[in-house]
PDB file of N, CA and C in Angstrom:
ATOM      1  N   UNK A   1     179.120 -12.350  98.736  1.00  0.00           N
ATOM      2  CA  UNK A   1     178.379 -13.594  98.550  1.00  0.00           C
ATOM      3  C   UNK A   1     178.904 -14.615  99.559  1.00  0.00           C
ATOM      4  N   UNK A   2     178.015 -15.369 100.132  1.00  0.00           N
ATOM      5  CA  UNK A   2     178.382 -16.342 101.153  1.00  0.00           C
ATOM      6  C   UNK A   2     178.356 -17.760 100.590  1.00  0.00           C
ATOM      7  N   UNK A   3     178.995 -17.965  99.449  1.00  0.00           N
ATOM      8  CA  UNK A   3     179.012 -19.264  98.781  1.00  0.00           C
ATOM      9  C   UNK A   3     180.374 -19.919  99.015  1.00  0.00           C
ATOM     10  N   UNK A   4     180.359 -21.102  99.612  1.00  0.00           N
ATOM     11  CA  UNK A   4     181.614 -21.779  99.924  1.00  0.00           C
ATOM     12  C   UNK A   4     182.427 -22.064  98.659  1.00  0.00           C
ATOM     13  N   UNK A   5     181.772 -22.416  97.557  1.00  0.00           N
ATOM     14  CA  UNK A   5     182.517 -22.694  96.323  1.00  0.00           C
ATOM     15  C   UNK A   5     183.104 -21.410  95.731  1.00  0.00           C
ATOM     16  N   UNK A   6     182.398 -20.305  95.837  1.00  0.00           N
ATOM     17  CA  UNK A   6     182.959 -19.028  95.379  1.00  0.00           C
ATOM     18  C   UNK A   6     184.175 -18.660  96.222  1.00  0.00           C
ATOM     19  N   UNK A   7     184.145 -18.987  97.519  1.00  0.00           N
ATOM     20  CA  UNK A   7     185.289 -18.727  98.390  1.00  0.00           C
ATOM     21  C   UNK A   7     186.470 -19.624  98.031  1.00  0.00           C
ATOM     22  N   UNK A   8     186.207 -20.854  97.637  1.00  0.00           N
ATOM     23  CA  UNK A   8     187.282 -21.744  97.180  1.00  0.00           C
ATOM     24  C   UNK A   8     187.891 -21.188  95.898  1.00  0.00           C
ATOM     25  N   UNK A   9     187.052 -20.757  94.968  1.00  0.00           N
ATOM     26  CA  UNK A   9     187.535 -20.164  93.717  1.00  0.00           C
ATOM     27  C   UNK A   9     188.409 -18.946  94.002  1.00  0.00           C
ATOM     28  N   UNK A  10     187.998 -18.139  94.958  1.00  0.00           N
ATOM     29  CA  UNK A  10     188.735 -16.913  95.302  1.00  0.00           C
ATOM     30  C   UNK A  10     190.002 -17.194  96.116  1.00  0.00           C
ATOM     31  N   UNK A  11     190.189 -18.439  96.530  1.00  0.00           N
ATOM     32  CA  UNK A  11     191.367 -18.782  97.316  1.00  0.00           C
ATOM     33  C   UNK A  11     191.218 -18.506  98.800  1.00  0.00           C
ATOM     34  N   UNK A  12     190.004 -18.168  99.247  1.00  0.00           N
ATOM     35  CA  UNK A  12     189.760 -17.882 100.664  1.00  0.00           C
ATOM     36  C   UNK A  12     189.669 -19.167 101.492  1.00  0.00           C
ATOM     37  N   UNK A  13     189.290 -20.263 100.839  1.00  0.00           N
ATOM     38  CA  UNK A  13     189.210 -21.579 101.480  1.00  0.00           C
ATOM     39  C   UNK A  13     190.091 -22.515 100.652  1.00  0.00           C
ATOM     40  N   UNK A  14     190.991 -23.246 101.301  1.00  0.00           N
ATOM     41  CA  UNK A  14     191.877 -24.136 100.532  1.00  0.00           C
ATOM     42  C   UNK A  14     191.144 -25.372 100.014  1.00  0.00           C
ATOM     43  N   UNK A  15     191.642 -25.890  98.915  1.00  0.00           N
ATOM     44  CA  UNK A  15     191.124 -27.132  98.338  1.00  0.00           C
ATOM     45  C   UNK A  15     192.264 -27.814  97.599  1.00  0.00           C
ATOM     46  N   UNK A  16     192.238 -29.128  97.575  1.00  0.00           N
ATOM     47  CA  UNK A  16     193.235 -29.895  96.830  1.00  0.00           C
ATOM     48  C   UNK A  16     192.780 -29.934  95.374  1.00  0.00           C
ATOM     49  N   UNK A  17     193.419 -29.132  94.550  1.00  0.00           N
ATOM     50  CA  UNK A  17     192.994 -28.966  93.165  1.00  0.00           C
ATOM     51  C   UNK A  17     193.405 -30.151  92.301  1.00  0.00           C
ATOM     52  N   UNK A  18     192.488 -30.527  91.405  1.00  0.00           N
ATOM     53  CA  UNK A  18     192.769 -31.541  90.391  1.00  0.00           C
ATOM     54  C   UNK A  18     192.965 -30.892  89.026  1.00  0.00           C
ATOM     55  N   UNK A  19     192.354 -29.689  88.846  1.00  0.00           N
ATOM     56  CA  UNK A  19     192.423 -28.980  87.567  1.00  0.00           C
ATOM     57  C   UNK A  19     191.925 -27.557  87.789  1.00  0.00           C
ATOM     58  N   UNK A  20     192.484 -26.628  86.987  1.00  0.00           N
ATOM     59  CA  UNK A  20     191.973 -25.252  87.013  1.00  0.00           C
ATOM     60  C   UNK A  20     192.302 -24.568  85.702  1.00  0.00           C
ATOM     61  N   UNK A  21     191.333 -23.814  85.192  1.00  0.00           N
ATOM     62  CA  UNK A  21     191.558 -22.915  84.065  1.00  0.00           C
ATOM     63  C   UNK A  21     190.729 -21.658  84.304  1.00  0.00           C
ATOM     64  N   UNK A  22     190.521 -20.849  83.277  1.00  0.00           N
ATOM     65  CA  UNK A  22     189.808 -19.580  83.472  1.00  0.00           C
ATOM     66  C   UNK A  22     188.309 -19.745  83.719  1.00  0.00           C
ATOM     67  N   UNK A  23     187.726 -20.917  83.379  1.00  0.00           N
ATOM     68  CA  UNK A  23     186.285 -21.117  83.536  1.00  0.00           C
ATOM     69  C   UNK A  23     185.908 -22.157  84.585  1.00  0.00           C
ATOM     70  N   UNK A  24     186.859 -23.048  84.923  1.00  0.00           N
ATOM     71  CA  UNK A  24     186.520 -24.218  85.735  1.00  0.00           C
ATOM     72  C   UNK A  24     187.576 -24.461  86.809  1.00  0.00           C
ATOM     73  N   UNK A  25     187.096 -24.939  87.954  1.00  0.00           N
ATOM     74  CA  UNK A  25     187.963 -25.446  89.005  1.00  0.00           C
ATOM     75  C   UNK A  25     187.482 -26.846  89.360  1.00  0.00           C
ATOM     76  N   UNK A  26     188.416 -27.774  89.482  1.00  0.00           N
ATOM     77  CA  UNK A  26     188.105 -29.136  89.914  1.00  0.00           C
ATOM     78  C   UNK A  26     188.971 -29.451  91.121  1.00  0.00           C
ATOM     79  N   UNK A  27     188.357 -30.029  92.138  1.00  0.00           N
ATOM     80  CA  UNK A  27     189.098 -30.348  93.354  1.00  0.00           C
ATOM     81  C   UNK A  27     188.535 -31.618  93.987  1.00  0.00           C
ATOM     82  N   UNK A  28     189.355 -32.239  94.819  1.00  0.00           N
ATOM     83  CA  UNK A  28     188.992 -33.514  95.430  1.00  0.00           C
ATOM     84  C   UNK A  28     187.975 -33.301  96.549  1.00  0.00           C
ATOM     85  N   UNK A  29     186.955 -34.150  96.570  1.00  0.00           N
ATOM     86  CA  UNK A  29     185.915 -34.085  97.592  1.00  0.00           C
ATOM     87  C   UNK A  29     186.503 -34.458  98.954  1.00  0.00           C
ATOM     88  N   UNK A  30     186.093 -33.752  99.989  1.00  0.00           N
ATOM     89  CA  UNK A  30     186.583 -34.029 101.345  1.00  0.00           C
ATOM     90  C   UNK A  30     185.994 -35.305 101.938  1.00  0.00           C
ATOM     91  N   UNK A  31     184.882 -35.774 101.402  1.00  0.00           N
ATOM     92  CA  UNK A  31     184.223 -36.992 101.881  1.00  0.00           C
ATOM     93  C   UNK A  31     183.978 -37.907 100.677  1.00  0.00           C
ATOM     94  N   UNK A  32     185.055 -38.486 100.131  1.00  0.00           N
ATOM     95  CA  UNK A  32     184.911 -39.236  98.877  1.00  0.00           C
ATOM     96  C   UNK A  32     183.994 -40.454  98.999  1.00  0.00           C
ATOM     97  N   UNK A  33     183.178 -40.628  97.968  1.00  0.00           N
ATOM     98  CA  UNK A  33     182.244 -41.747  97.895  1.00  0.00           C
ATOM     99  C   UNK A  33     182.713 -42.818  96.922  1.00  0.00           C
ATOM    100  N   UNK A  34     183.897 -42.625  96.367  1.00  0.00           N
ATOM    101  CA  UNK A  34     184.498 -43.570  95.426  1.00  0.00           C
ATOM    102  C   UNK A  34     186.002 -43.310  95.441  1.00  0.00           C
ATOM    103  N   UNK A  35     186.804 -44.259  94.938  1.00  0.00           N
ATOM    104  CA  UNK A  35     188.249 -44.021  94.892  1.00  0.00           C
ATOM    105  C   UNK A  35     188.626 -42.723  94.172  1.00  0.00           C
ATOM    106  N   UNK A  36     187.905 -42.390  93.115  1.00  0.00           N
ATOM    107  CA  UNK A  36     188.043 -41.081  92.473  1.00  0.00           C
ATOM    108  C   UNK A  36     186.750 -40.314  92.735  1.00  0.00           C
ATOM    109  N   UNK A  37     186.861 -39.185  93.414  1.00  0.00           N
ATOM    110  CA  UNK A  37     185.693 -38.333  93.667  1.00  0.00           C
ATOM    111  C   UNK A  37     186.174 -36.887  93.603  1.00  0.00           C
ATOM    112  N   UNK A  38     185.907 -36.275  92.456  1.00  0.00           N
ATOM    113  CA  UNK A  38     186.348 -34.911  92.185  1.00  0.00           C
ATOM    114  C   UNK A  38     185.132 -34.041  91.936  1.00  0.00           C
ATOM    115  N   UNK A  39     185.104 -32.863  92.541  1.00  0.00           N
ATOM    116  CA  UNK A  39     184.046 -31.892  92.272  1.00  0.00           C
ATOM    117  C   UNK A  39     184.530 -30.954  91.174  1.00  0.00           C
ATOM    118  N   UNK A  40     183.680 -30.745  90.186  1.00  0.00           N
ATOM    119  CA  UNK A  40     183.995 -29.865  89.065  1.00  0.00           C
ATOM    120  C   UNK A  40     182.975 -28.733  89.096  1.00  0.00           C
ATOM    121  N   UNK A  41     183.489 -27.498  89.199  1.00  0.00           N
ATOM    122  CA  UNK A  41     182.595 -26.344  89.339  1.00  0.00           C
ATOM    123  C   UNK A  41     182.966 -25.245  88.342  1.00  0.00           C
ATOM    124  N   UNK A  42     181.958 -24.528  87.850  1.00  0.00           N
ATOM    125  CA  UNK A  42     182.269 -23.353  87.028  1.00  0.00           C
ATOM    126  C   UNK A  42     182.729 -22.218  87.929  1.00  0.00           C
ATOM    127  N   UNK A  43     183.605 -21.385  87.406  1.00  0.00           N
ATOM    128  CA  UNK A  43     184.070 -20.228  88.174  1.00  0.00           C
ATOM    129  C   UNK A  43     183.052 -19.097  88.190  1.00  0.00           C
ATOM    130  N   UNK A  44     182.027 -19.210  87.388  1.00  0.00           N
ATOM    131  CA  UNK A  44     180.910 -18.262  87.414  1.00  0.00           C
ATOM    132  C   UNK A  44     179.850 -18.865  88.331  1.00  0.00           C
ATOM    133  N   UNK A  45     179.316 -18.065  89.231  1.00  0.00           N
ATOM    134  CA  UNK A  45     178.292 -18.578  90.146  1.00  0.00           C
ATOM    135  C   UNK A  45     176.996 -18.837  89.374  1.00  0.00           C
ATOM    136  N   UNK A  46     176.623 -20.087  89.324  1.00  0.00           N
ATOM    137  CA  UNK A  46     175.347 -20.532  88.755  1.00  0.00           C
ATOM    138  C   UNK A  46     174.707 -21.364  89.863  1.00  0.00           C
ATOM    139  N   UNK A  47     173.511 -21.027  90.258  1.00  0.00           N
ATOM    140  CA  UNK A  47     172.903 -21.656  91.430  1.00  0.00           C
ATOM    141  C   UNK A  47     172.702 -23.164  91.270  1.00  0.00           C
ATOM    142  N   UNK A  48     172.171 -23.594  90.137  1.00  0.00           N
ATOM    143  CA  UNK A  48     171.881 -25.022  89.937  1.00  0.00           C
ATOM    144  C   UNK A  48     171.624 -25.270  88.456  1.00  0.00           C
ATOM    145  N   UNK A  49     171.376 -26.530  88.114  1.00  0.00           N
ATOM    146  CA  UNK A  49     171.061 -26.878  86.732  1.00  0.00           C
ATOM    147  C   UNK A  49     169.815 -26.143  86.246  1.00  0.00           C
ATOM    148  N   UNK A  50     168.930 -25.792  87.154  1.00  0.00           N
ATOM    149  CA  UNK A  50     167.707 -25.065  86.794  1.00  0.00           C
ATOM    150  C   UNK A  50     168.006 -23.633  86.343  1.00  0.00           C
ATOM    151  N   UNK A  51     169.210 -23.163  86.596  1.00  0.00           N
ATOM    152  CA  UNK A  51     169.575 -21.785  86.251  1.00  0.00           C
ATOM    153  C   UNK A  51     170.536 -21.705  85.061  1.00  0.00           C
ATOM    154  N   UNK A  52     170.736 -22.802  84.348  1.00  0.00           N
ATOM    155  CA  UNK A  52     171.581 -22.774  83.153  1.00  0.00           C
ATOM    156  C   UNK A  52     170.810 -22.050  82.050  1.00  0.00           C
ATOM    157  N   UNK A  53     171.491 -21.102  81.393  1.00  0.00           N
ATOM    158  CA  UNK A  53     170.861 -20.372  80.297  1.00  0.00           C
ATOM    159  C   UNK A  53     171.907 -20.051  79.228  1.00  0.00           C
ATOM    160  N   UNK A  54     171.492 -19.322  78.226  1.00  0.00           N
ATOM    161  CA  UNK A  54     172.378 -18.975  77.115  1.00  0.00           C
ATOM    162  C   UNK A  54     173.619 -18.218  77.595  1.00  0.00           C
ATOM    163  N   UNK A  55     173.448 -17.372  78.590  1.00  0.00           N
ATOM    164  CA  UNK A  55     174.543 -16.527  79.075  1.00  0.00           C
ATOM    165  C   UNK A  55     175.618 -17.298  79.828  1.00  0.00           C
ATOM    166  N   UNK A  56     175.273 -18.441  80.443  1.00  0.00           N
ATOM    167  CA  UNK A  56     176.248 -19.148  81.275  1.00  0.00           C
ATOM    168  C   UNK A  56     176.544 -20.586  80.822  1.00  0.00           C
ATOM    169  N   UNK A  57     175.882 -21.036  79.773  1.00  0.00           N
ATOM    170  CA  UNK A  57     176.020 -22.442  79.368  1.00  0.00           C
ATOM    171  C   UNK A  57     177.426 -22.809  78.913  1.00  0.00           C
ATOM    172  N   UNK A  58     178.229 -21.871  78.455  1.00  0.00           N
ATOM    173  CA  UNK A  58     179.611 -22.172  78.066  1.00  0.00           C
ATOM    174  C   UNK A  58     180.416 -22.645  79.274  1.00  0.00           C
ATOM    175  N   UNK A  59     180.111 -22.139  80.458  1.00  0.00           N
ATOM    176  CA  UNK A  59     180.789 -22.587  81.671  1.00  0.00           C
ATOM    177  C   UNK A  59     180.440 -24.042  81.985  1.00  0.00           C
ATOM    178  N   UNK A  60     179.185 -24.393  81.793  1.00  0.00           N
ATOM    179  CA  UNK A  60     178.739 -25.765  82.044  1.00  0.00           C
ATOM    180  C   UNK A  60     179.349 -26.714  81.012  1.00  0.00           C
ATOM    181  N   UNK A  61     179.364 -26.296  79.755  1.00  0.00           N
ATOM    182  CA  UNK A  61     179.987 -27.113  78.710  1.00  0.00           C
ATOM    183  C   UNK A  61     181.454 -27.341  79.028  1.00  0.00           C
ATOM    184  N   UNK A  62     182.137 -26.312  79.489  1.00  0.00           N
ATOM    185  CA  UNK A  62     183.557 -26.456  79.835  1.00  0.00           C
ATOM    186  C   UNK A  62     183.729 -27.434  80.995  1.00  0.00           C
ATOM    187  N   UNK A  63     182.794 -27.430  81.947  1.00  0.00           N
ATOM    188  CA  UNK A  63     182.853 -28.408  83.042  1.00  0.00           C
ATOM    189  C   UNK A  63     182.883 -29.828  82.487  1.00  0.00           C
ATOM    190  N   UNK A  64     182.039 -30.104  81.496  1.00  0.00           N
ATOM    191  CA  UNK A  64     181.991 -31.456  80.940  1.00  0.00           C
ATOM    192  C   UNK A  64     183.226 -31.779  80.110  1.00  0.00           C
ATOM    193  N   UNK A  65     183.829 -30.795  79.482  1.00  0.00           N
ATOM    194  CA  UNK A  65     185.104 -31.029  78.794  1.00  0.00           C
ATOM    195  C   UNK A  65     186.181 -31.419  79.814  1.00  0.00           C
ATOM    196  N   UNK A  66     186.182 -30.738  80.938  1.00  0.00           N
ATOM    197  CA  UNK A  66     187.148 -31.030  81.996  1.00  0.00           C
ATOM    198  C   UNK A  66     186.867 -32.402  82.604  1.00  0.00           C
ATOM    199  N   UNK A  67     185.613 -32.741  82.789  1.00  0.00           N
ATOM    200  CA  UNK A  67     185.264 -34.068  83.306  1.00  0.00           C
ATOM    201  C   UNK A  67     185.836 -35.157  82.397  1.00  0.00           C
ATOM    202  N   UNK A  68     185.677 -35.001  81.092  1.00  0.00           N
ATOM    203  CA  UNK A  68     186.221 -35.991  80.152  1.00  0.00           C
ATOM    204  C   UNK A  68     187.743 -36.075  80.266  1.00  0.00           C
ATOM    205  N   UNK A  69     188.393 -34.939  80.396  1.00  0.00           N
ATOM    206  CA  UNK A  69     189.856 -34.892  80.531  1.00  0.00           C
ATOM    207  C   UNK A  69     190.300 -35.587  81.812  1.00  0.00           C
ATOM    208  N   UNK A  70     189.648 -35.273  82.921  1.00  0.00           N
ATOM    209  CA  UNK A  70     190.006 -35.881  84.196  1.00  0.00           C
ATOM    210  C   UNK A  70     189.743 -37.384  84.200  1.00  0.00           C
ATOM    211  N   UNK A  71     188.630 -37.809  83.605  1.00  0.00           N
ATOM    212  CA  UNK A  71     188.325 -39.240  83.534  1.00  0.00           C
ATOM    213  C   UNK A  71     189.409 -39.985  82.774  1.00  0.00           C
ATOM    214  N   UNK A  72     189.900 -39.381  81.714  1.00  0.00           N
ATOM    215  CA  UNK A  72     190.989 -40.000  80.954  1.00  0.00           C
ATOM    216  C   UNK A  72     192.270 -40.027  81.786  1.00  0.00           C
ATOM    217  N   UNK A  73     192.608 -38.914  82.415  1.00  0.00           N
ATOM    218  CA  UNK A  73     193.819 -38.838  83.244  1.00  0.00           C
ATOM    219  C   UNK A  73     193.787 -39.842  84.395  1.00  0.00           C
ATOM    220  N   UNK A  74     192.621 -40.036  84.982  1.00  0.00           N
ATOM    221  CA  UNK A  74     192.470 -40.934  86.122  1.00  0.00           C
ATOM    222  C   UNK A  74     192.242 -42.387  85.682  1.00  0.00           C
ATOM    223  N   UNK A  75     192.276 -42.616  84.358  1.00  0.00           N
ATOM    224  CA  UNK A  75     192.131 -43.955  83.786  1.00  0.00           C
ATOM    225  C   UNK A  75     190.812 -44.620  84.194  1.00  0.00           C
ATOM    226  N   UNK A  76     189.746 -43.850  84.063  1.00  0.00           N
ATOM    227  CA  UNK A  76     188.411 -44.363  84.390  1.00  0.00           C
ATOM    228  C   UNK A  76     187.763 -44.972  83.150  1.00  0.00           C
ATOM    229  N   UNK A  77     188.558 -45.718  82.379  1.00  0.00           N
ATOM    230  CA  UNK A  77     188.102 -46.263  81.100  1.00  0.00           C
ATOM    231  C   UNK A  77     187.028 -47.335  81.261  1.00  0.00           C
ATOM    232  N   UNK A  78     186.857 -47.922  82.436  1.00  0.00           N
ATOM    233  CA  UNK A  78     185.791 -48.912  82.651  1.00  0.00           C
ATOM    234  C   UNK A  78     184.452 -48.243  82.942  1.00  0.00           C
ATOM    235  N   UNK A  79     184.493 -46.943  83.174  1.00  0.00           N
ATOM    236  CA  UNK A  79     183.264 -46.204  83.420  1.00  0.00           C
ATOM    237  C   UNK A  79     183.383 -45.259  84.598  1.00  0.00           C
ATOM    238  N   UNK A  80     182.505 -44.290  84.615  1.00  0.00           N
ATOM    239  CA  UNK A  80     182.456 -43.315  85.704  1.00  0.00           C
ATOM    240  C   UNK A  80     181.054 -42.741  85.760  1.00  0.00           C
ATOM    241  N   UNK A  81     180.772 -42.063  86.836  1.00  0.00           N
ATOM    242  CA  UNK A  81     179.466 -41.435  87.030  1.00  0.00           C
ATOM    243  C   UNK A  81     179.666 -39.945  87.238  1.00  0.00           C
ATOM    244  N   UNK A  82     178.750 -39.150  86.669  1.00  0.00           N
ATOM    245  CA  UNK A  82     178.724 -37.705  86.888  1.00  0.00           C
ATOM    246  C   UNK A  82     177.370 -37.389  87.505  1.00  0.00           C
ATOM    247  N   UNK A  83     177.388 -36.722  88.654  1.00  0.00           N
ATOM    248  CA  UNK A  83     176.154 -36.439  89.389  1.00  0.00           C
ATOM    249  C   UNK A  83     176.074 -34.958  89.698  1.00  0.00           C
ATOM    250  N   UNK A  84     174.889 -34.391  89.515  1.00  0.00           N
ATOM    251  CA  UNK A  84     174.607 -33.052  90.027  1.00  0.00           C
ATOM    252  C   UNK A  84     173.230 -33.088  90.674  1.00  0.00           C
ATOM    253  N   UNK A  85     173.099 -32.426  91.783  1.00  0.00           N
ATOM    254  CA  UNK A  85     171.818 -32.332  92.479  1.00  0.00           C
ATOM    255  C   UNK A  85     171.248 -30.945  92.220  1.00  0.00           C
ATOM    256  N   UNK A  86     169.951 -30.880  92.068  1.00  0.00           N
ATOM    257  CA  UNK A  86     169.296 -29.615  91.742  1.00  0.00           C
ATOM    258  C   UNK A  86     168.154 -29.376  92.722  1.00  0.00           C
ATOM    259  N   UNK A  87     168.401 -28.506  93.692  1.00  0.00           N
ATOM    260  CA  UNK A  87     167.370 -28.160  94.662  1.00  0.00           C
ATOM    261  C   UNK A  87     167.460 -28.970  95.948  1.00  0.00           C
ATOM    262  N   UNK A  88     166.776 -28.480  96.956  1.00  0.00           N
ATOM    263  CA  UNK A  88     166.821 -29.091  98.283  1.00  0.00           C
ATOM    264  C   UNK A  88     166.331 -30.538  98.287  1.00  0.00           C
ATOM    265  N   UNK A  89     165.242 -30.822  97.616  1.00  0.00           N
ATOM    266  CA  UNK A  89     164.686 -32.178  97.618  1.00  0.00           C
ATOM    267  C   UNK A  89     165.612 -33.184  96.961  1.00  0.00           C
ATOM    268  N   UNK A  90     166.480 -32.720  96.083  1.00  0.00           N
ATOM    269  CA  UNK A  90     167.438 -33.603  95.411  1.00  0.00           C
ATOM    270  C   UNK A  90     168.744 -33.719  96.191  1.00  0.00           C
ATOM    271  N   UNK A  91     168.861 -32.982  97.285  1.00  0.00           N
ATOM    272  CA  UNK A  91     170.056 -33.062  98.114  1.00  0.00           C
ATOM    273  C   UNK A  91     171.128 -32.046  97.783  1.00  0.00           C
ATOM    274  N   UNK A  92     170.774 -30.966  97.074  1.00  0.00           N
ATOM    275  CA  UNK A  92     171.776 -29.938  96.773  1.00  0.00           C
ATOM    276  C   UNK A  92     172.056 -29.136  98.035  1.00  0.00           C
ATOM    277  N   UNK A  93     173.231 -29.330  98.618  1.00  0.00           N
ATOM    278  CA  UNK A  93     173.565 -28.661  99.874  1.00  0.00           C
ATOM    279  C   UNK A  93     174.289 -27.341  99.660  1.00  0.00           C
ATOM    280  N   UNK A  94     174.971 -27.190  98.529  1.00  0.00           N
ATOM    281  CA  UNK A  94     175.660 -25.934  98.205  1.00  0.00           C
ATOM    282  C   UNK A  94     175.020 -25.370  96.948  1.00  0.00           C
ATOM    283  N   UNK A  95     174.529 -24.164  97.027  1.00  0.00           N
ATOM    284  CA  UNK A  95     173.775 -23.560  95.930  1.00  0.00           C
ATOM    285  C   UNK A  95     174.705 -22.912  94.910  1.00  0.00           C
ATOM    286  N   UNK A  96     175.614 -23.715  94.388  1.00  0.00           N
ATOM    287  CA  UNK A  96     176.520 -23.366  93.292  1.00  0.00           C
ATOM    288  C   UNK A  96     176.627 -24.661  92.496  1.00  0.00           C
ATOM    289  N   UNK A  97     176.200 -24.647  91.246  1.00  0.00           N
ATOM    290  CA  UNK A  97     176.185 -25.882  90.475  1.00  0.00           C
ATOM    291  C   UNK A  97     177.549 -26.562  90.545  1.00  0.00           C
ATOM    292  N   UNK A  98     177.523 -27.863  90.752  1.00  0.00           N
ATOM    293  CA  UNK A  98     178.755 -28.635  90.810  1.00  0.00           C
ATOM    294  C   UNK A  98     178.468 -30.051  90.341  1.00  0.00           C
ATOM    295  N   UNK A  99     179.487 -30.641  89.791  1.00  0.00           N
ATOM    296  CA  UNK A  99     179.376 -31.985  89.239  1.00  0.00           C
ATOM    297  C   UNK A  99     180.342 -32.889  89.982  1.00  0.00           C
ATOM    298  N   UNK A 100     179.824 -34.008  90.480  1.00  0.00           N
ATOM    299  CA  UNK A 100     180.641 -35.006  91.144  1.00  0.00           C
ATOM    300  C   UNK A 100     181.117 -35.990  90.082  1.00  0.00           C
ATOM    301  N   UNK A 101     182.411 -36.082  89.891  1.00  0.00           N
ATOM    302  CA  UNK A 101     183.010 -37.109  89.034  1.00  0.00           C
ATOM    303  C   UNK A 101     183.409 -38.254  89.952  1.00  0.00           C
ATOM    304  N   UNK A 102     182.736 -39.387  89.772  1.00  0.00           N
ATOM    305  CA  UNK A 102     182.954 -40.560  90.618  1.00  0.00           C
ATOM    306  C   UNK A 102     183.424 -41.724  89.760  1.00  0.00           C
ATOM    307  N   UNK A 103     184.453 -42.415  90.218  1.00  0.00           N
ATOM    308  CA  UNK A 103     184.934 -43.570  89.471  1.00  0.00           C
ATOM    309  C   UNK A 103     185.866 -44.423  90.299  1.00  0.00           C
ATOM    310  N   UNK A 104     186.285 -45.528  89.700  1.00  0.00           N
ATOM    311  CA  UNK A 104     187.207 -46.418  90.376  1.00  0.00           C
ATOM    312  C   UNK A 104     186.523 -47.535  91.133  1.00  0.00           C
ATOM    313  N   UNK A 105     185.212 -47.657  91.002  1.00  0.00           N
ATOM    314  CA  UNK A 105     184.461 -48.766  91.595  1.00  0.00           C
ATOM    315  C   UNK A 105     183.199 -48.971  90.777  1.00  0.00           C
ATOM    316  N   UNK A 106     182.529 -50.091  91.014  1.00  0.00           N
ATOM    317  CA  UNK A 106     181.255 -50.356  90.350  1.00  0.00           C
ATOM    318  C   UNK A 106     180.144 -49.614  91.092  1.00  0.00           C
ATOM    319  N   UNK A 107     179.148 -49.165  90.343  1.00  0.00           N
ATOM    320  CA  UNK A 107     177.992 -48.467  90.906  1.00  0.00           C
ATOM    321  C   UNK A 107     176.741 -49.269  90.626  1.00  0.00           C
ATOM    322  N   UNK A 108     175.723 -49.069  91.423  1.00  0.00           N
ATOM    323  CA  UNK A 108     174.429 -49.717  91.198  1.00  0.00           C
ATOM    324  C   UNK A 108     173.414 -48.647  90.811  1.00  0.00           C
ATOM    325  N   UNK A 109     172.273 -49.098  90.315  1.00  0.00           N
ATOM    326  CA  UNK A 109     171.176 -48.200  89.995  1.00  0.00           C
ATOM    327  C   UNK A 109     169.890 -48.794  90.504  1.00  0.00           C
ATOM    328  N   UNK A 110     169.019 -48.076  91.097  1.00  0.00           N
ATOM    329  CA  UNK A 110     169.169 -46.653  91.394  1.00  0.00           C
ATOM    330  C   UNK A 110     170.099 -46.438  92.574  1.00  0.00           C
ATOM    331  N   UNK A 111     170.714 -45.234  92.623  1.00  0.00           N
ATOM    332  CA  UNK A 111     171.567 -44.929  93.777  1.00  0.00           C
ATOM    333  C   UNK A 111     170.702 -44.762  95.026  1.00  0.00           C
ATOM    334  N   UNK A 112     171.327 -44.851  96.179  1.00  0.00           N
ATOM    335  CA  UNK A 112     170.622 -44.775  97.465  1.00  0.00           C
ATOM    336  C   UNK A 112     170.003 -43.458  97.750  1.00  0.00           C
TER     337      UNK A 112
END
């Protein structure tokens, strides 16, 4: 498989890890858009939110448990944003579901 996130999970590409367990890997974004910008990914390859189903939803649920844990650890008590893009038109550049945990600054709506 030629998935950059699967290669990070396999240790073929280095990443600065923020968290790891048997279902989830979280690492710091190389181009941060906020003081805290962590990518949270399931260790099972799921293409996008459109591909979540009964068989893989436990991985997605675990991602959100980890997001809550990281937000607490990073003291994002004033608020944070979680973003996932689904498909080319939404800006999904890597076809492995991932969640951007963003915090440490104020955000506006709608985003750019």
